[in-house]
N, C-alpha and C. Protein backbone atom coordinates (compact mmCIF):
# COMPACT_ATOMS: atom_id res chain seq x y z
N MET A 1 0.86 -1.17 0.00
CA MET A 1 0.00 0.00 0.00
C MET A 1 0.90 1.23 0.00
N SER A 2 0.60 2.17 -0.91
CA SER A 2 1.41 3.38 -1.00
C SER A 2 1.18 4.26 0.22
N GLU A 3 2.06 5.22 0.41
CA GLU A 3 1.92 6.15 1.53
C GLU A 3 0.62 6.93 1.43
N GLN A 4 0.27 7.40 0.21
CA GLN A 4 -0.96 8.15 0.04
C GLN A 4 -2.18 7.27 0.33
N GLN A 5 -2.14 6.02 -0.10
CA GLN A 5 -3.25 5.12 0.17
C GLN A 5 -3.41 4.88 1.67
N GLN A 6 -2.31 4.83 2.39
CA GLN A 6 -2.38 4.68 3.85
C GLN A 6 -3.01 5.91 4.49
N VAL A 7 -2.65 7.10 3.99
CA VAL A 7 -3.23 8.34 4.49
C VAL A 7 -4.73 8.36 4.19
N ASN A 8 -5.09 7.99 2.96
CA ASN A 8 -6.51 7.96 2.58
C ASN A 8 -7.29 7.00 3.46
N ALA A 9 -6.74 5.83 3.71
CA ALA A 9 -7.42 4.84 4.55
C ALA A 9 -7.61 5.39 5.96
N ALA A 10 -6.59 6.05 6.47
CA ALA A 10 -6.67 6.61 7.82
C ALA A 10 -7.71 7.73 7.88
N ASN A 11 -7.91 8.44 6.79
CA ASN A 11 -8.87 9.55 6.74
C ASN A 11 -10.24 9.11 6.21
N ASP A 12 -10.44 7.83 6.03
CA ASP A 12 -11.68 7.30 5.48
C ASP A 12 -11.99 7.84 4.09
N ALA A 13 -10.97 8.21 3.34
CA ALA A 13 -11.17 8.67 1.97
C ALA A 13 -11.43 7.46 1.08
N PRO A 14 -12.21 7.63 0.03
CA PRO A 14 -12.48 6.52 -0.89
C PRO A 14 -11.20 6.02 -1.55
N GLU A 15 -11.25 4.77 -2.01
CA GLU A 15 -10.06 4.18 -2.62
C GLU A 15 -9.66 4.87 -3.92
N TRP A 16 -10.57 5.62 -4.55
CA TRP A 16 -10.24 6.29 -5.81
C TRP A 16 -9.44 7.57 -5.61
N THR A 17 -9.23 8.00 -4.38
CA THR A 17 -8.39 9.18 -4.12
C THR A 17 -6.94 8.72 -4.04
N ILE A 18 -6.22 8.85 -5.13
CA ILE A 18 -4.83 8.39 -5.19
C ILE A 18 -3.91 9.33 -4.43
N SER A 19 -4.10 10.61 -4.63
CA SER A 19 -3.27 11.62 -3.96
C SER A 19 -4.09 12.89 -3.87
N GLU A 20 -3.48 13.93 -3.32
CA GLU A 20 -4.22 15.20 -3.20
C GLU A 20 -4.50 15.82 -4.56
N LYS A 21 -3.85 15.32 -5.61
CA LYS A 21 -4.08 15.86 -6.95
C LYS A 21 -4.65 14.85 -7.93
N ALA A 22 -4.53 13.56 -7.65
CA ALA A 22 -4.88 12.54 -8.63
C ALA A 22 -6.07 11.69 -8.20
N ILE A 23 -6.82 11.28 -9.20
CA ILE A 23 -7.99 10.41 -9.02
C ILE A 23 -7.76 9.14 -9.82
N HIS A 24 -8.09 8.01 -9.24
CA HIS A 24 -8.11 6.76 -10.01
C HIS A 24 -9.47 6.76 -10.70
N GLU A 25 -9.50 7.18 -11.94
CA GLU A 25 -10.75 7.45 -12.64
C GLU A 25 -11.63 6.22 -12.80
N VAL A 26 -11.04 5.07 -13.09
CA VAL A 26 -11.85 3.87 -13.28
C VAL A 26 -12.50 3.45 -11.96
N LEU A 27 -11.75 3.50 -10.87
CA LEU A 27 -12.34 3.18 -9.56
C LEU A 27 -13.42 4.18 -9.20
N PHE A 28 -13.20 5.45 -9.51
CA PHE A 28 -14.23 6.46 -9.26
C PHE A 28 -15.50 6.11 -10.03
N CYS A 29 -15.35 5.79 -11.31
CA CYS A 29 -16.52 5.47 -12.14
C CYS A 29 -17.27 4.26 -11.59
N LYS A 30 -16.54 3.25 -11.16
CA LYS A 30 -17.20 2.08 -10.59
C LYS A 30 -17.97 2.45 -9.33
N ALA A 31 -17.40 3.28 -8.48
CA ALA A 31 -18.10 3.73 -7.27
C ALA A 31 -19.33 4.55 -7.64
N PHE A 32 -19.20 5.43 -8.62
CA PHE A 32 -20.32 6.24 -9.08
C PHE A 32 -21.45 5.36 -9.60
N LEU A 33 -21.08 4.37 -10.40
CA LEU A 33 -22.09 3.50 -11.02
C LEU A 33 -22.77 2.57 -10.03
N GLU A 34 -22.12 2.30 -8.92
CA GLU A 34 -22.79 1.53 -7.87
C GLU A 34 -23.94 2.34 -7.28
N ARG A 35 -23.75 3.65 -7.20
CA ARG A 35 -24.78 4.55 -6.68
C ARG A 35 -25.83 4.90 -7.73
N HIS A 36 -25.38 4.96 -8.99
CA HIS A 36 -26.26 5.42 -10.08
C HIS A 36 -25.97 4.59 -11.33
N PRO A 37 -26.53 3.39 -11.43
CA PRO A 37 -26.27 2.54 -12.61
C PRO A 37 -26.75 3.20 -13.90
N MET A 38 -25.88 3.19 -14.90
CA MET A 38 -26.20 3.81 -16.19
C MET A 38 -25.49 3.07 -17.31
N LYS A 39 -25.91 3.37 -18.51
CA LYS A 39 -25.25 2.95 -19.74
C LYS A 39 -25.03 4.20 -20.58
N CYS A 40 -23.98 4.17 -21.40
CA CYS A 40 -23.72 5.25 -22.34
C CYS A 40 -23.93 4.69 -23.75
N ILE A 41 -24.94 5.22 -24.43
CA ILE A 41 -25.28 4.77 -25.77
C ILE A 41 -25.23 5.98 -26.70
N ASN A 42 -24.42 5.88 -27.74
CA ASN A 42 -24.23 6.99 -28.68
C ASN A 42 -23.84 8.28 -27.97
N GLY A 43 -22.99 8.17 -26.94
CA GLY A 43 -22.47 9.35 -26.25
C GLY A 43 -23.43 9.98 -25.25
N ARG A 44 -24.58 9.36 -25.01
CA ARG A 44 -25.57 9.87 -24.05
C ARG A 44 -25.77 8.84 -22.94
N PHE A 45 -26.04 9.33 -21.75
CA PHE A 45 -26.22 8.45 -20.60
C PHE A 45 -27.70 8.16 -20.37
N TYR A 46 -27.98 6.89 -20.05
CA TYR A 46 -29.33 6.44 -19.75
C TYR A 46 -29.31 5.60 -18.48
N ASP A 47 -30.32 5.83 -17.66
CA ASP A 47 -30.52 4.95 -16.51
C ASP A 47 -31.88 4.28 -16.67
N ILE A 48 -32.35 3.64 -15.66
CA ILE A 48 -33.61 2.91 -15.74
C ILE A 48 -34.79 3.82 -16.08
N ASP A 49 -34.68 5.10 -15.78
CA ASP A 49 -35.75 6.06 -16.06
C ASP A 49 -35.61 6.76 -17.41
N GLY A 50 -34.55 6.47 -18.14
CA GLY A 50 -34.35 7.08 -19.45
C GLY A 50 -33.12 7.97 -19.49
N LEU A 51 -33.16 8.96 -20.37
CA LEU A 51 -32.03 9.85 -20.59
C LEU A 51 -31.67 10.62 -19.32
N VAL A 52 -30.36 10.68 -19.04
CA VAL A 52 -29.86 11.47 -17.91
C VAL A 52 -29.06 12.63 -18.51
N GLN A 53 -29.40 13.84 -18.12
CA GLN A 53 -28.73 15.02 -18.66
C GLN A 53 -27.25 15.05 -18.23
N ASP A 54 -26.39 15.46 -19.14
CA ASP A 54 -24.95 15.53 -18.86
C ASP A 54 -24.66 16.42 -17.66
N ASP A 55 -25.34 17.56 -17.56
CA ASP A 55 -25.10 18.47 -16.44
C ASP A 55 -25.45 17.84 -15.10
N THR A 56 -26.44 16.98 -15.09
CA THR A 56 -26.81 16.27 -13.85
C THR A 56 -25.67 15.36 -13.43
N ILE A 57 -25.10 14.64 -14.38
CA ILE A 57 -23.99 13.74 -14.07
C ILE A 57 -22.78 14.53 -13.62
N ARG A 58 -22.45 15.61 -14.34
CA ARG A 58 -21.30 16.44 -13.95
C ARG A 58 -21.47 16.98 -12.53
N SER A 59 -22.68 17.39 -12.20
CA SER A 59 -22.94 17.92 -10.87
C SER A 59 -22.75 16.83 -9.80
N GLU A 60 -23.22 15.62 -10.08
CA GLU A 60 -23.04 14.52 -9.13
C GLU A 60 -21.56 14.17 -8.97
N ILE A 61 -20.82 14.18 -10.08
CA ILE A 61 -19.38 13.91 -10.02
C ILE A 61 -18.71 14.97 -9.15
N ALA A 62 -19.03 16.23 -9.41
CA ALA A 62 -18.44 17.32 -8.62
C ALA A 62 -18.76 17.16 -7.14
N GLY A 63 -19.98 16.76 -6.84
CA GLY A 63 -20.36 16.56 -5.46
C GLY A 63 -19.56 15.47 -4.77
N MET A 64 -19.19 14.45 -5.52
CA MET A 64 -18.37 13.38 -4.94
C MET A 64 -16.91 13.79 -4.79
N LEU A 65 -16.43 14.67 -5.68
CA LEU A 65 -15.02 15.07 -5.66
C LEU A 65 -14.70 16.17 -4.66
N THR A 66 -15.61 17.12 -4.48
CA THR A 66 -15.28 18.31 -3.69
C THR A 66 -14.94 18.05 -2.23
N PRO A 67 -15.39 16.96 -1.60
CA PRO A 67 -14.92 16.74 -0.23
C PRO A 67 -13.43 16.37 -0.15
N TYR A 68 -12.84 15.95 -1.28
CA TYR A 68 -11.46 15.46 -1.27
C TYR A 68 -10.50 16.29 -2.09
N TYR A 69 -11.01 17.15 -2.97
CA TYR A 69 -10.15 17.94 -3.84
C TYR A 69 -10.59 19.40 -3.80
N VAL A 70 -9.60 20.30 -3.87
CA VAL A 70 -9.91 21.73 -3.81
C VAL A 70 -9.38 22.51 -5.01
N THR A 71 -8.61 21.85 -5.87
CA THR A 71 -8.08 22.54 -7.05
C THR A 71 -8.44 21.76 -8.31
N GLN A 72 -8.56 22.50 -9.39
CA GLN A 72 -8.81 21.94 -10.72
C GLN A 72 -10.04 21.03 -10.75
N ILE A 73 -11.07 21.42 -10.03
CA ILE A 73 -12.28 20.60 -9.97
C ILE A 73 -12.92 20.45 -11.35
N SER A 74 -13.02 21.55 -12.10
CA SER A 74 -13.68 21.45 -13.41
C SER A 74 -12.92 20.51 -14.34
N ARG A 75 -11.60 20.53 -14.30
CA ARG A 75 -10.81 19.62 -15.13
C ARG A 75 -11.02 18.18 -14.69
N LYS A 76 -11.04 17.95 -13.38
CA LYS A 76 -11.25 16.60 -12.87
C LYS A 76 -12.64 16.09 -13.26
N VAL A 77 -13.65 16.95 -13.14
CA VAL A 77 -15.01 16.56 -13.51
C VAL A 77 -15.05 16.21 -15.00
N ARG A 78 -14.46 17.05 -15.84
CA ARG A 78 -14.44 16.80 -17.29
C ARG A 78 -13.75 15.47 -17.59
N ASP A 79 -12.60 15.24 -16.98
CA ASP A 79 -11.85 14.01 -17.24
C ASP A 79 -12.63 12.77 -16.79
N VAL A 80 -13.20 12.84 -15.60
CA VAL A 80 -13.97 11.69 -15.09
C VAL A 80 -15.22 11.47 -15.94
N PHE A 81 -15.86 12.53 -16.36
CA PHE A 81 -17.05 12.43 -17.21
C PHE A 81 -16.72 11.68 -18.50
N GLU A 82 -15.60 12.01 -19.12
CA GLU A 82 -15.19 11.33 -20.35
C GLU A 82 -14.82 9.87 -20.09
N THR A 83 -14.19 9.60 -18.97
CA THR A 83 -13.88 8.21 -18.61
C THR A 83 -15.17 7.43 -18.38
N MET A 84 -16.14 8.08 -17.76
CA MET A 84 -17.44 7.44 -17.51
C MET A 84 -18.07 6.97 -18.81
N LYS A 85 -17.93 7.74 -19.87
CA LYS A 85 -18.49 7.34 -21.16
C LYS A 85 -17.89 6.02 -21.63
N MET A 86 -16.61 5.85 -21.41
CA MET A 86 -15.96 4.60 -21.83
C MET A 86 -16.35 3.43 -20.92
N VAL A 87 -16.40 3.69 -19.62
CA VAL A 87 -16.73 2.63 -18.67
C VAL A 87 -18.17 2.16 -18.85
N CYS A 88 -19.08 3.06 -19.20
CA CYS A 88 -20.51 2.75 -19.33
C CYS A 88 -20.90 2.38 -20.75
N PHE A 89 -19.97 2.34 -21.67
CA PHE A 89 -20.30 2.16 -23.08
C PHE A 89 -21.16 0.92 -23.31
N SER A 90 -22.16 1.10 -24.16
CA SER A 90 -23.02 -0.01 -24.57
C SER A 90 -23.39 0.23 -26.04
N GLU A 91 -23.45 -0.85 -26.78
CA GLU A 91 -23.90 -0.75 -28.17
C GLU A 91 -25.36 -0.28 -28.19
N PRO A 92 -25.76 0.44 -29.24
CA PRO A 92 -27.17 0.85 -29.34
C PRO A 92 -28.09 -0.38 -29.31
N LEU A 93 -29.24 -0.19 -28.69
CA LEU A 93 -30.23 -1.26 -28.62
C LEU A 93 -30.87 -1.46 -29.97
N ILE A 94 -31.23 -2.66 -30.27
CA ILE A 94 -31.85 -3.00 -31.57
C ILE A 94 -33.35 -2.80 -31.46
N SER A 95 -33.90 -2.05 -32.40
CA SER A 95 -35.34 -1.81 -32.43
C SER A 95 -36.00 -2.90 -33.25
N HIS A 96 -37.11 -3.41 -32.75
CA HIS A 96 -37.86 -4.45 -33.46
C HIS A 96 -39.16 -3.91 -34.03
N SER A 97 -39.08 -2.73 -34.66
CA SER A 97 -40.32 -2.14 -35.19
C SER A 97 -40.49 -2.39 -36.65
């Protein structure tokens, strides 16, 4: 376990907080998706209720990051948002009409 991971564990920080500046984006996305399951189809996010607005997701990401990070929040949100698209990727559903 790295020194930063030991500090994070001692502070009850999530495992995706690598350092005071870095985020383990894939682990963050997995934690996010446990709370809010979604798929990304054609670059748009959908949950069980349908289309989820990008700004809603960005706001939720920011809410999860701000307790642990104080600088470059908008860049971190943008980067995690783009990673989320890859982690949630799903082929378009086939229509039987």
